[in-house]
N, C-alpha and C. Protein backbone atom coordinates (compact mmCIF):
# COMPACT_ATOMS: atom_id res chain seq x y z
N UNK A 1 218.74 144.43 21.68
CA UNK A 1 219.70 143.50 22.05
C UNK A 1 220.75 144.00 22.97
N UNK A 2 220.87 143.29 24.24
CA UNK A 2 221.70 143.93 25.29
C UNK A 2 223.10 143.25 25.39
N UNK A 3 223.99 143.92 25.73
CA UNK A 3 225.36 143.63 25.81
C UNK A 3 225.50 142.77 27.16
N UNK A 4 226.38 141.71 27.30
CA UNK A 4 226.53 140.82 28.15
C UNK A 4 228.02 141.24 28.67
N UNK A 5 228.38 141.01 29.87
CA UNK A 5 229.49 141.45 30.54
C UNK A 5 230.39 139.96 30.35
N UNK A 6 231.54 140.15 29.65
CA UNK A 6 232.54 138.70 29.24
C UNK A 6 233.08 138.05 30.67
N UNK A 7 233.28 139.23 31.48
CA UNK A 7 233.98 138.75 32.73
C UNK A 7 233.66 137.56 33.47
N UNK A 8 232.12 137.45 33.89
CA UNK A 8 231.81 136.48 34.60
C UNK A 8 231.73 135.14 33.82
N UNK A 9 231.57 135.13 32.50
CA UNK A 9 231.83 133.58 31.76
C UNK A 9 232.96 133.33 31.58
N UNK A 10 234.31 134.36 31.58
CA UNK A 10 235.53 134.05 31.61
C UNK A 10 236.14 133.19 33.11
N UNK A 11 235.66 134.00 33.90
CA UNK A 11 235.68 133.23 35.48
C UNK A 11 235.21 132.08 35.63
N UNK A 12 233.80 131.66 35.09
CA UNK A 12 233.14 130.59 35.01
C UNK A 12 234.08 129.32 34.22
N UNK A 13 234.28 129.77 33.24
CA UNK A 13 235.47 128.91 32.38
C UNK A 13 236.60 128.39 33.06
N UNK A 14 237.37 129.52 33.63
CA UNK A 14 238.70 129.06 34.30
C UNK A 14 238.36 128.27 35.49
N UNK A 15 237.28 128.67 36.19
CA UNK A 15 237.03 127.53 37.34
C UNK A 15 236.48 126.33 37.19
N UNK A 16 235.87 126.19 36.29
CA UNK A 16 235.28 124.93 35.58
C UNK A 16 236.58 123.91 35.26
N UNK A 17 237.52 124.66 34.45
CA UNK A 17 238.62 124.06 34.18
C UNK A 17 239.64 123.49 35.27
N UNK A 18 239.71 124.54 36.02
CA UNK A 18 240.37 124.34 37.56
C UNK A 18 239.98 123.11 38.15
N UNK A 19 238.81 123.24 38.48
CA UNK A 19 237.82 122.14 39.29
C UNK A 19 238.06 121.06 38.44
N UNK A 20 238.00 120.68 37.03
CA UNK A 20 237.93 119.51 36.38
C UNK A 20 239.56 118.85 36.85
N UNK A 21 240.53 120.00 36.58
CA UNK A 21 242.02 119.20 36.76
C UNK A 21 242.20 118.76 38.48
N UNK A 22 241.62 119.46 39.19
CA UNK A 22 241.72 118.94 40.63
C UNK A 22 241.27 117.84 40.89
N UNK A 23 239.79 117.72 40.40
CA UNK A 23 239.12 116.25 40.71
C UNK A 23 239.98 114.99 39.67
N UNK A 24 240.37 115.50 38.76
CA UNK A 24 240.88 114.37 37.95
C UNK A 24 242.51 113.85 38.71
N UNK A 25 242.82 114.80 39.20
CA UNK A 25 244.17 114.65 39.83
C UNK A 25 243.88 113.68 41.42
N UNK A 26 242.79 114.24 42.28
CA UNK A 26 242.47 113.60 43.44
C UNK A 26 242.01 112.10 43.11
N UNK A 27 241.44 111.87 41.94
CA UNK A 27 240.84 110.46 41.88
C UNK A 27 242.23 109.61 40.91
N UNK A 28 243.26 110.23 40.46
CA UNK A 28 244.33 109.42 39.93
C UNK A 28 244.24 109.40 38.51
N UNK A 29 243.55 110.09 38.04
CA UNK A 29 243.50 110.11 36.66
C UNK A 29 244.17 110.91 35.85
N UNK A 30 244.95 111.75 36.73
CA UNK A 30 245.97 112.84 36.03
C UNK A 30 247.29 112.80 36.96
N UNK A 31 248.38 112.51 36.40
CA UNK A 31 249.57 112.64 37.13
C UNK A 31 250.67 113.88 36.68
N UNK A 32 251.14 114.47 37.56
CA UNK A 32 251.86 115.68 37.23
C UNK A 32 253.26 114.96 37.08
N UNK A 33 254.09 114.63 36.31
CA UNK A 33 255.26 114.25 35.96
C UNK A 33 256.42 114.94 36.62
N UNK A 34 257.51 114.40 37.41
CA UNK A 34 258.47 115.51 37.89
C UNK A 34 259.54 114.56 37.18
N UNK A 35 260.69 115.42 37.20
CA UNK A 35 261.96 114.81 36.63
C UNK A 35 262.48 113.38 36.94
N UNK A 36 262.28 113.42 38.67
CA UNK A 36 262.67 112.15 39.20
C UNK A 36 261.73 110.75 39.26
N UNK A 37 260.67 111.18 38.48
CA UNK A 37 259.94 110.20 38.26
C UNK A 37 260.32 109.46 37.06
N UNK A 38 261.17 110.23 36.16
CA UNK A 38 261.48 109.44 34.82
C UNK A 38 262.92 108.89 34.87
N UNK A 39 263.51 109.02 36.09
CA UNK A 39 264.99 108.60 36.47
C UNK A 39 265.17 107.22 36.36
N UNK A 40 266.04 107.21 35.45
CA UNK A 40 266.61 105.43 35.24
C UNK A 40 267.37 105.20 36.46
N UNK A 41 267.10 104.36 37.16
CA UNK A 41 267.99 103.97 38.41
C UNK A 41 269.31 103.42 38.03
N UNK A 42 269.18 102.33 37.12
CA UNK A 42 270.44 102.05 36.73
C UNK A 42 270.35 100.73 35.42
N UNK A 43 271.29 100.29 34.75
CA UNK A 43 270.96 99.49 33.83
C UNK A 43 271.18 98.01 34.24
N UNK A 44 270.42 97.31 34.03
CA UNK A 44 270.65 95.81 34.51
C UNK A 44 270.57 94.91 33.11
N UNK A 45 271.60 93.57 33.32
CA UNK A 45 271.69 92.96 32.33
C UNK A 45 271.62 91.62 32.85
N UNK A 46 270.94 90.58 32.28
CA UNK A 46 270.73 89.10 32.84
C UNK A 46 271.43 88.44 32.36
N UNK A 47 272.63 87.79 33.09
CA UNK A 47 273.60 86.63 32.72
C UNK A 47 272.91 85.36 32.79
N UNK A 48 272.88 84.80 31.69
CA UNK A 48 272.24 83.18 31.33
C UNK A 48 273.22 82.46 31.84
N UNK A 49 272.80 81.59 32.79
CA UNK A 49 273.62 80.39 33.26
C UNK A 49 273.56 79.27 32.47
N UNK A 50 274.39 78.86 31.81
CA UNK A 50 274.56 77.37 31.03
C UNK A 50 275.28 76.60 31.86
N UNK A 51 274.61 75.38 32.01
CA UNK A 51 275.52 74.33 32.69
C UNK A 51 276.76 73.69 32.19
N UNK A 52 277.66 73.87 32.85
CA UNK A 52 279.23 73.63 32.50
C UNK A 52 280.00 74.73 32.18
N UNK A 53 279.32 75.80 32.05
CA UNK A 53 280.22 76.98 31.62
C UNK A 53 280.18 77.98 32.86
N UNK A 54 281.36 78.60 32.82
CA UNK A 54 281.59 79.75 33.89
C UNK A 54 281.23 81.14 33.55
N UNK A 55 280.86 81.93 34.56
CA UNK A 55 280.76 83.21 34.20
C UNK A 55 281.41 84.10 35.28
N UNK A 56 281.67 85.40 34.88
CA UNK A 56 282.32 85.86 36.05
C UNK A 56 281.60 87.39 36.40
N UNK A 57 281.32 87.65 37.47
CA UNK A 57 280.71 88.65 38.29
C UNK A 57 281.56 89.44 38.97
N UNK A 58 281.49 90.51 39.38
CA UNK A 58 282.32 91.62 40.22
C UNK A 58 281.89 91.09 41.61
N UNK A 59 283.04 91.15 42.39
CA UNK A 59 282.73 90.85 43.91
C UNK A 59 282.30 91.69 44.82
N UNK A 60 282.40 93.07 43.96
CA UNK A 60 281.71 94.18 44.77
C UNK A 60 280.32 94.37 44.50
N UNK A 61 279.30 94.17 45.36
CA UNK A 61 277.78 94.24 45.33
C UNK A 61 277.12 95.48 44.61
N UNK A 62 276.34 95.41 44.19
CA UNK A 62 275.36 96.71 43.49
C UNK A 62 275.02 97.38 44.52
N UNK A 63 274.48 98.72 43.91
CA UNK A 63 274.29 99.88 44.95
C UNK A 63 272.53 99.65 44.98
N UNK A 64 272.25 98.52 44.74
CA UNK A 64 270.48 98.44 45.02
C UNK A 64 270.28 96.98 45.61
N UNK A 65 269.30 96.87 46.47
CA UNK A 65 268.90 95.69 47.17
C UNK A 65 267.73 95.50 46.43
N UNK A 66 267.20 94.43 46.42
CA UNK A 66 265.86 93.80 45.76
C UNK A 66 265.19 93.17 46.68
N UNK A 67 263.73 93.23 46.77
CA UNK A 67 263.00 92.60 47.60
C UNK A 67 261.46 92.21 46.78
N UNK A 68 261.03 91.25 47.18
CA UNK A 68 259.69 90.52 46.61
C UNK A 68 258.56 91.36 47.20
N UNK A 69 257.77 92.21 46.86
CA UNK A 69 256.72 92.70 47.33
C UNK A 69 255.56 92.66 46.48
N UNK A 70 254.49 91.79 47.11
CA UNK A 70 253.31 91.67 46.31
C UNK A 70 253.62 90.63 45.05
N UNK A 71 254.63 89.99 45.28
CA UNK A 71 254.98 89.30 43.77
C UNK A 71 255.69 90.05 42.61
N UNK A 72 256.25 91.32 42.92
CA UNK A 72 256.69 91.97 42.02
C UNK A 72 258.14 92.53 42.57
N UNK A 73 259.18 92.50 41.86
CA UNK A 73 260.80 92.80 42.32
C UNK A 73 260.89 94.17 42.47
N UNK A 74 260.74 94.62 43.47
CA UNK A 74 261.08 96.20 43.85
C UNK A 74 262.67 96.29 44.11
N UNK A 75 263.24 97.30 43.82
CA UNK A 75 264.63 97.78 44.06
C UNK A 75 264.75 98.99 44.75
N UNK A 76 265.32 98.69 45.86
CA UNK A 76 265.89 99.90 46.65
C UNK A 76 267.29 100.39 46.52
N UNK A 77 267.46 101.70 46.36
CA UNK A 77 268.79 102.10 46.19
C UNK A 77 269.65 102.41 47.45
N UNK A 78 270.66 101.96 47.80
CA UNK A 78 271.37 102.20 49.08
C UNK A 78 272.26 103.55 48.84
N UNK A 79 272.54 104.14 47.89
CA UNK A 79 272.90 105.50 47.86
C UNK A 79 272.04 106.63 48.14
N UNK A 80 270.90 106.66 47.65
CA UNK A 80 270.09 107.56 47.62
C UNK A 80 268.98 107.14 48.37
N UNK A 81 268.69 107.47 49.76
CA UNK A 81 267.50 106.85 50.44
C UNK A 81 266.16 107.37 50.06
N UNK A 82 265.38 106.35 50.08
CA UNK A 82 264.15 106.70 49.55
C UNK A 82 263.53 106.59 48.08
N UNK A 83 264.97 106.00 47.23
CA UNK A 83 264.71 106.05 45.87
C UNK A 83 264.43 104.59 45.54
N UNK A 84 263.07 104.38 45.16
CA UNK A 84 262.81 102.80 45.07
C UNK A 84 262.30 102.72 43.84
N UNK A 85 262.10 101.61 43.36
CA UNK A 85 261.44 101.63 41.68
C UNK A 85 261.14 99.97 41.69
N UNK A 86 260.39 99.70 40.68
CA UNK A 86 260.16 98.47 40.20
C UNK A 86 260.81 98.18 38.97
N UNK A 87 261.45 96.66 38.98
CA UNK A 87 262.26 96.33 37.76
C UNK A 87 261.40 95.97 36.94
N UNK A 88 261.31 96.52 35.60
CA UNK A 88 260.48 96.16 34.53
C UNK A 88 261.74 95.71 33.33
N UNK A 89 260.94 95.36 32.23
CA UNK A 89 261.84 94.93 31.15
C UNK A 89 261.71 96.23 30.10
N UNK A 90 262.06 95.78 28.90
CA UNK A 90 262.24 96.98 27.77
C UNK A 90 260.69 97.53 27.58
N UNK A 91 259.67 96.52 27.66
CA UNK A 91 258.20 97.00 27.26
C UNK A 91 257.60 97.26 28.70
N UNK A 92 258.43 97.74 29.76
CA UNK A 92 257.57 98.13 30.77
C UNK A 92 256.75 97.29 31.55
N UNK A 93 257.22 95.94 31.40
CA UNK A 93 256.01 95.04 32.14
C UNK A 93 257.23 94.67 33.15
N UNK A 94 256.57 94.38 34.63
CA UNK A 94 257.17 94.48 35.78
C UNK A 94 257.49 92.76 35.99
N UNK A 95 258.74 92.72 36.25
CA UNK A 95 259.55 91.58 36.82
C UNK A 95 258.90 90.82 37.99
N UNK A 96 258.51 89.70 37.94
CA UNK A 96 257.63 89.05 39.05
C UNK A 96 258.74 88.18 39.69
N UNK A 97 258.35 88.08 41.07
CA UNK A 97 259.01 87.02 41.82
C UNK A 97 258.19 85.90 42.51
N UNK A 98 258.86 84.81 42.70
CA UNK A 98 258.12 83.80 43.45
C UNK A 98 258.53 83.48 44.76
N UNK A 99 257.73 82.82 45.35
CA UNK A 99 258.43 82.03 46.79
C UNK A 99 258.35 83.18 48.06
N UNK A 100 258.06 84.62 47.69
CA UNK A 100 258.21 85.47 49.02
C UNK A 100 256.49 85.76 49.11
N UNK A 101 256.52 86.12 50.59
CA UNK A 101 255.08 86.60 51.07
C UNK A 101 255.21 88.36 51.05
N UNK A 102 254.38 88.98 51.20
CA UNK A 102 254.23 90.33 51.33
C UNK A 102 255.03 90.43 52.80
N UNK A 103 255.95 91.76 53.04
CA UNK A 103 256.59 91.71 54.34
C UNK A 103 255.33 92.29 55.14
N UNK A 104 255.23 91.82 56.35
CA UNK A 104 253.98 92.03 57.27
C UNK A 104 254.62 93.14 58.18
N UNK A 105 253.59 94.24 58.61
CA UNK A 105 253.96 95.25 59.44
C UNK A 105 254.11 94.95 60.81
N UNK A 106 255.05 95.40 61.29
CA UNK A 106 255.53 94.91 62.72
C UNK A 106 254.97 95.98 63.74
C-alpha cells in the first residue's frame, strides 16, 4: 500500500471551493453584505388623512426625494449623494406607486 501526498488533494479542495464561490457570486446566488447595505435610511410614518380633521406637518421638507421607478417607490437621499433605496414596509414588501411611467433615458 503506497502513501499518497495530501498536498494535491488539499489544493484541489481549496480550488474547487473558491471556484464554487466565484461562480455563485457571478450568477447572483451569493451576495457579500456590506455595512452600508443594511443602512436604514430613515424612519417613515404614514399620516392617515381623515375628512374634516386637520393634521400638522413641518414646513421644512425631508432630506429624501421619492420617484416612481417600474411601479416601485424609490427614495433618493439629498444629503448623501448616490444613496438610494426602495421604500418597504415592516415585512420588507416594496411600496408600489401608480400613474407614472419609467423615466426614459435621454
